[in-house]
C-alpha atoms as a PDB file:
ATOM      1  CA  MET A   1       0.124  -0.041   0.017  1.00  0.00           C
ATOM      2  CA  ALA A   2       1.202   3.456  -0.910  1.00  0.00           C
ATOM      3  CA  ARG A   3       0.616   6.547   1.295  1.00  0.00           C
ATOM      4  CA  ALA A   4      -0.673   9.454  -0.807  1.00  0.00           C
ATOM      5  CA  PHE A   5      -2.133  12.908  -0.103  1.00  0.00           C
ATOM      6  CA  VAL A   6      -4.925  14.418  -2.149  1.00  0.00           C
ATOM      7  CA  GLY A   7      -5.955  18.073  -2.231  1.00  0.00           C
ATOM      8  CA  LEU A   8      -9.733  18.735  -2.484  1.00  0.00           C
ATOM      9  CA  GLY A   9     -11.373  22.080  -3.348  1.00  0.00           C
ATOM     10  CA  ALA A  10     -14.620  23.596  -4.520  1.00  0.00           C
ATOM     11  CA  ASN A  11     -16.247  26.968  -4.908  1.00  0.00           C
ATOM     12  CA  LEU A  12     -19.503  26.419  -6.702  1.00  0.00           C
ATOM     13  CA  GLY A  13     -22.644  24.657  -5.572  1.00  0.00           C
ATOM     14  CA  ASP A  14     -22.391  23.222  -2.026  1.00  0.00           C
ATOM     15  CA  PRO A  15     -18.573  23.030  -1.585  1.00  0.00           C
ATOM     16  CA  ALA A  16     -18.677  21.301   1.824  1.00  0.00           C
ATOM     17  CA  ARG A  17     -21.041  18.619   0.638  1.00  0.00           C
ATOM     18  CA  GLN A  18     -19.054  18.071  -2.588  1.00  0.00           C
ATOM     19  CA  ILE A  19     -15.774  17.659  -0.557  1.00  0.00           C
ATOM     20  CA  ALA A  20     -17.530  15.153   1.745  1.00  0.00           C
ATOM     21  CA  GLN A  21     -18.882  13.229  -1.227  1.00  0.00           C
ATOM     22  CA  ALA A  22     -15.491  13.179  -2.868  1.00  0.00           C
ATOM     23  CA  LEU A  23     -13.882  11.813   0.304  1.00  0.00           C
ATOM     24  CA  ASP A  24     -16.475   9.046   0.307  1.00  0.00           C
ATOM     25  CA  ALA A  25     -15.858   8.321  -3.373  1.00  0.00           C
ATOM     26  CA  ILE A  26     -12.039   8.258  -2.879  1.00  0.00           C
ATOM     27  CA  GLY A  27     -12.526   5.699  -0.035  1.00  0.00           C
ATOM     28  CA  ARG A  28     -14.547   3.499  -2.315  1.00  0.00           C
ATOM     29  CA  LEU A  29     -11.737   3.269  -4.924  1.00  0.00           C
ATOM     30  CA  PRO A  30     -10.302  -0.219  -5.341  1.00  0.00           C
ATOM     31  CA  GLY A  31      -7.681  -1.040  -2.676  1.00  0.00           C
ATOM     32  CA  THR A  32      -7.960   2.541  -1.253  1.00  0.00           C
ATOM     33  CA  ARG A  33      -8.924   3.918   2.107  1.00  0.00           C
ATOM     34  CA  VAL A  34      -8.968   7.425   3.544  1.00  0.00           C
ATOM     35  CA  VAL A  35      -6.661   7.472   6.576  1.00  0.00           C
ATOM     36  CA  ARG A  36      -7.576  10.963   7.770  1.00  0.00           C
ATOM     37  CA  SER A  37      -8.738  14.232   6.328  1.00  0.00           C
ATOM     38  CA  SER A  38      -8.069  17.793   7.469  1.00  0.00           C
ATOM     39  CA  SER A  39     -10.620  20.434   8.511  1.00  0.00           C
ATOM     40  CA  LEU A  40     -12.103  22.620   5.861  1.00  0.00           C
ATOM     41  CA  TYR A  41     -10.383  25.881   5.011  1.00  0.00           C
ATOM     42  CA  ARG A  42     -11.841  28.989   3.357  1.00  0.00           C
ATOM     43  CA  THR A  43      -9.363  30.297   0.940  1.00  0.00           C
ATOM     44  CA  ALA A  44      -9.097  33.132  -1.561  1.00  0.00           C
ATOM     45  CA  PRO A  45      -9.073  32.074  -5.142  1.00  0.00           C
ATOM     46  CA  VAL A  46      -5.598  32.057  -6.876  1.00  0.00           C
ATOM     47  CA  GLY A  47      -5.039  33.334 -10.421  1.00  0.00           C
ATOM     48  CA  TYR A  48      -8.511  34.259 -11.441  1.00  0.00           C
ATOM     49  CA  ALA A  49      -9.754  36.419  -8.452  1.00  0.00           C
ATOM     50  CA  ALA A  50     -13.294  37.409  -9.671  1.00  0.00           C
ATOM     51  CA  GLN A  51     -14.889  34.260  -8.228  1.00  0.00           C
ATOM     52  CA  PRO A  52     -16.212  32.955  -4.889  1.00  0.00           C
ATOM     53  CA  ASP A  53     -13.877  31.822  -2.161  1.00  0.00           C
ATOM     54  CA  PHE A  54     -12.930  28.182  -2.136  1.00  0.00           C
ATOM     55  CA  LEU A  55     -13.304  25.521   0.514  1.00  0.00           C
ATOM     56  CA  ASN A  56     -10.189  23.277   0.609  1.00  0.00           C
ATOM     57  CA  ALA A  57      -9.018  20.220   2.470  1.00  0.00           C
ATOM     58  CA  VAL A  58      -6.318  17.543   2.200  1.00  0.00           C
ATOM     59  CA  ALA A  59      -6.771  13.797   2.679  1.00  0.00           C
ATOM     60  CA  GLU A  60      -4.253  11.175   3.503  1.00  0.00           C
ATOM     61  CA  ILE A  61      -4.982   7.934   1.814  1.00  0.00           C
ATOM     62  CA  GLU A  62      -3.518   4.483   1.530  1.00  0.00           C
ATOM     63  CA  THR A  63      -3.931   2.825  -1.892  1.00  0.00           C
ATOM     64  CA  GLY A  64      -2.890  -0.051  -3.962  1.00  0.00           C
ATOM     65  CA  LEU A  65      -3.386   2.029  -7.080  1.00  0.00           C
ATOM     66  CA  ALA A  66      -0.292   3.169  -8.997  1.00  0.00           C
ATOM     67  CA  PRO A  67       0.006   6.991  -9.324  1.00  0.00           C
ATOM     68  CA  ARG A  68      -1.308   7.274 -12.907  1.00  0.00           C
ATOM     69  CA  ALA A  69      -4.263   4.981 -12.134  1.00  0.00           C
ATOM     70  CA  LEU A  70      -5.032   7.016  -8.911  1.00  0.00           C
ATOM     71  CA  LEU A  71      -4.872  10.275 -10.906  1.00  0.00           C
ATOM     72  CA  ALA A  72      -7.222   8.857 -13.491  1.00  0.00           C
ATOM     73  CA  ALA A  73      -9.645   7.803 -10.726  1.00  0.00           C
ATOM     74  CA  LEU A  74      -9.555  11.150  -9.122  1.00  0.00           C
ATOM     75  CA  GLN A  75     -10.290  12.854 -12.503  1.00  0.00           C
ATOM     76  CA  LYS A  76     -13.220  10.525 -12.943  1.00  0.00           C
ATOM     77  CA  ILE A  77     -14.662  11.562  -9.504  1.00  0.00           C
ATOM     78  CA  GLU A  78     -14.164  15.172 -10.603  1.00  0.00           C
ATOM     79  CA  ALA A  79     -16.111  14.461 -13.882  1.00  0.00           C
ATOM     80  CA  ASP A  80     -18.872  12.564 -12.180  1.00  0.00           C
ATOM     81  CA  ALA A  81     -19.370  15.593  -9.858  1.00  0.00           C
ATOM     82  CA  GLY A  82     -19.764  17.772 -12.860  1.00  0.00           C
ATOM     83  CA  ARG A  83     -16.343  19.330 -13.151  1.00  0.00           C
ATOM     84  CA  GLU A  84     -15.749  21.312 -16.297  1.00  0.00           C
ATOM     85  CA  ARG A  85     -12.344  22.656 -17.364  1.00  0.00           C
ATOM     86  CA  ALA A  86     -13.460  25.955 -19.058  1.00  0.00           C
ATOM     87  CA  TYR A  87     -10.159  27.710 -18.455  1.00  0.00           C
ATOM     88  CA  ARG A  88      -7.193  27.646 -16.033  1.00  0.00           C
ATOM     89  CA  ASN A  89      -8.130  28.592 -12.483  1.00  0.00           C
ATOM     90  CA  ALA A  90     -11.869  28.752 -13.333  1.00  0.00           C
ATOM     91  CA  PRO A  91     -14.515  28.300 -10.683  1.00  0.00           C
ATOM     92  CA  ARG A  92     -15.294  24.625 -10.074  1.00  0.00           C
ATOM     93  CA  LEU A  93     -17.717  22.164  -8.431  1.00  0.00           C
ATOM     94  CA  LEU A  94     -14.850  19.887  -7.417  1.00  0.00           C
ATOM     95  CA  ASP A  95     -11.093  19.935  -7.819  1.00  0.00           C
ATOM     96  CA  LEU A  96      -8.913  16.919  -6.794  1.00  0.00           C
ATOM     97  CA  ASP A  97      -5.125  17.091  -7.034  1.00  0.00           C
ATOM     98  CA  LEU A  98      -2.811  14.258  -6.407  1.00  0.00           C
ATOM     99  CA  LEU A  99      -0.250  16.056  -4.140  1.00  0.00           C
ATOM    100  CA  LEU A 100       2.151  13.511  -2.938  1.00  0.00           C
ATOM    101  CA  TYR A 101       2.627   9.744  -3.555  1.00  0.00           C
ATOM    102  CA  ASP A 102       5.025   7.706  -1.341  1.00  0.00           C
ATOM    103  CA  GLY A 103       7.726  10.361  -1.528  1.00  0.00           C
ATOM    104  CA  SER A 104       7.931   9.885  -5.338  1.00  0.00           C
ATOM    105  CA  ALA A 105       9.194  12.433  -7.697  1.00  0.00           C
ATOM    106  CA  VAL A 106       7.584  11.784 -11.103  1.00  0.00           C
ATOM    107  CA  ARG A 107       7.814  14.075 -14.268  1.00  0.00           C
ATOM    108  CA  GLU A 108       5.793  12.511 -17.091  1.00  0.00           C
ATOM    109  CA  PRO A 109       3.248  13.925 -19.520  1.00  0.00           C
ATOM    110  CA  GLY A 110       0.060  14.503 -17.517  1.00  0.00           C
ATOM    111  CA  LEU A 111       1.591  13.375 -14.200  1.00  0.00           C
ATOM    112  CA  GLU A 112       3.860  15.423 -11.993  1.00  0.00           C
ATOM    113  CA  LEU A 113       4.701  14.584  -8.397  1.00  0.00           C
ATOM    114  CA  PRO A 114       4.879  16.271  -6.098  1.00  0.00           C
ATOM    115  CA  HIS A 115       2.191  18.508  -7.391  1.00  0.00           C
ATOM    116  CA  PRO A 116       4.239  21.217  -9.178  1.00  0.00           C
ATOM    117  CA  ARG A 117       2.775  24.328  -7.202  1.00  0.00           C
ATOM    118  CA  MET A 118       1.778  22.805  -3.965  1.00  0.00           C
ATOM    119  CA  HIS A 119       4.849  24.375  -2.194  1.00  0.00           C
ATOM    120  CA  GLU A 120       3.515  27.880  -3.242  1.00  0.00           C
ATOM    121  CA  ARG A 121      -0.055  27.526  -1.896  1.00  0.00           C
ATOM    122  CA  ALA A 122      -1.184  28.035   1.666  1.00  0.00           C
ATOM    123  CA  PHE A 123      -4.551  26.411   0.697  1.00  0.00           C
ATOM    124  CA  VAL A 124      -2.637  23.160   0.132  1.00  0.00           C
ATOM    125  CA  LEU A 125       0.036  23.481   2.843  1.00  0.00           C
ATOM    126  CA  ALA A 126      -2.142  24.495   5.749  1.00  0.00           C
ATOM    127  CA  PRO A 127      -4.520  21.429   5.616  1.00  0.00           C
ATOM    128  CA  LEU A 128      -1.596  19.199   4.826  1.00  0.00           C
ATOM    129  CA  VAL A 129       0.442  20.423   7.835  1.00  0.00           C
ATOM    130  CA  GLU A 130      -2.672  19.957  10.002  1.00  0.00           C
ATOM    131  CA  ILE A 131      -2.780  16.157   9.279  1.00  0.00           C
ATOM    132  CA  ALA A 132       0.852  15.510   8.540  1.00  0.00           C
ATOM    133  CA  PRO A 133       2.917  18.115  10.354  1.00  0.00           C
ATOM    134  CA  HIS A 134       6.234  16.472   9.367  1.00  0.00           C
ATOM    135  CA  ALA A 135       5.360  15.977   5.695  1.00  0.00           C
ATOM    136  CA  GLU A 136       8.237  16.457   3.323  1.00  0.00           C
ATOM    137  CA  ILE A 137       7.753  17.634  -0.218  1.00  0.00           C
ATOM    138  CA  PRO A 138      10.436  16.047  -2.344  1.00  0.00           C
ATOM    139  CA  GLY A 139      12.922  18.580  -3.716  1.00  0.00           C
ATOM    140  CA  ARG A 140      11.272  21.453  -1.682  1.00  0.00           C
ATOM    141  CA  GLY A 141      11.620  20.595   1.983  1.00  0.00           C
ATOM    142  CA  GLY A 142       9.279  20.410   4.993  1.00  0.00           C
ATOM    143  CA  ALA A 143       5.636  21.416   4.446  1.00  0.00           C
ATOM    144  CA  ALA A 144       5.532  23.325   7.759  1.00  0.00           C
ATOM    145  CA  ALA A 145       8.519  25.608   6.771  1.00  0.00           C
ATOM    146  CA  LEU A 146       7.001  26.107   3.324  1.00  0.00           C
ATOM    147  CA  LEU A 147       3.729  27.156   4.913  1.00  0.00           C
ATOM    148  CA  ALA A 148       5.594  29.920   6.928  1.00  0.00           C
ATOM    149  CA  ALA A 149       6.871  31.215   3.668  1.00  0.00           C
ATOM    150  CA  VAL A 150       3.386  31.816   2.225  1.00  0.00           C
ATOM    151  CA  ALA A 151       1.953  33.221   5.494  1.00  0.00           C
ATOM    152  CA  GLY A 152       0.615  36.124   3.604  1.00  0.00           C
ATOM    153  CA  GLN A 153      -2.024  34.070   1.720  1.00  0.00           C
ATOM    154  CA  ARG A 154      -5.482  34.223   3.257  1.00  0.00           C
ATOM    155  CA  VAL A 155      -6.518  30.893   4.707  1.00  0.00           C
ATOM    156  CA  GLU A 156      -9.139  30.460   7.365  1.00  0.00           C
ATOM    157  CA  LYS A 157      -9.706  27.142   9.120  1.00  0.00           C
ATOM    158  CA  LEU A 158     -13.368  26.482   9.648  1.00  0.00           C
END
């Protein structure tokens, strides 16, 4: 079983419900269980600012799925929830990001681990540090130290 972390976010519809449903769907993936999930965090949008705030969380999972199969399963959960990819940083019903996978560093078309921008985003780091305070991001360092570096980003634990 591999240990992986998944970022969850939504800012359309009922974000808290959609995140809860996504956690349930992740736990039903073959050979996968949700070990723990963070609190919800209200966060400002990044990139395209003229949209509602997001709710974000991070889940730690154990899975027998390989990274690419896990990513495909996460993208299917998004699609089943009505996710549309209109443009980069668009508002969304559900966003699932494979953040970390067993300490792997992967650079392939369509799959990059760790997630390439997670070290710059308080909305990922704050919930990650909540559930895994000693998490390390390969090639970047400790998540807690990286969170301190982005302390100016608005993140509110609910």
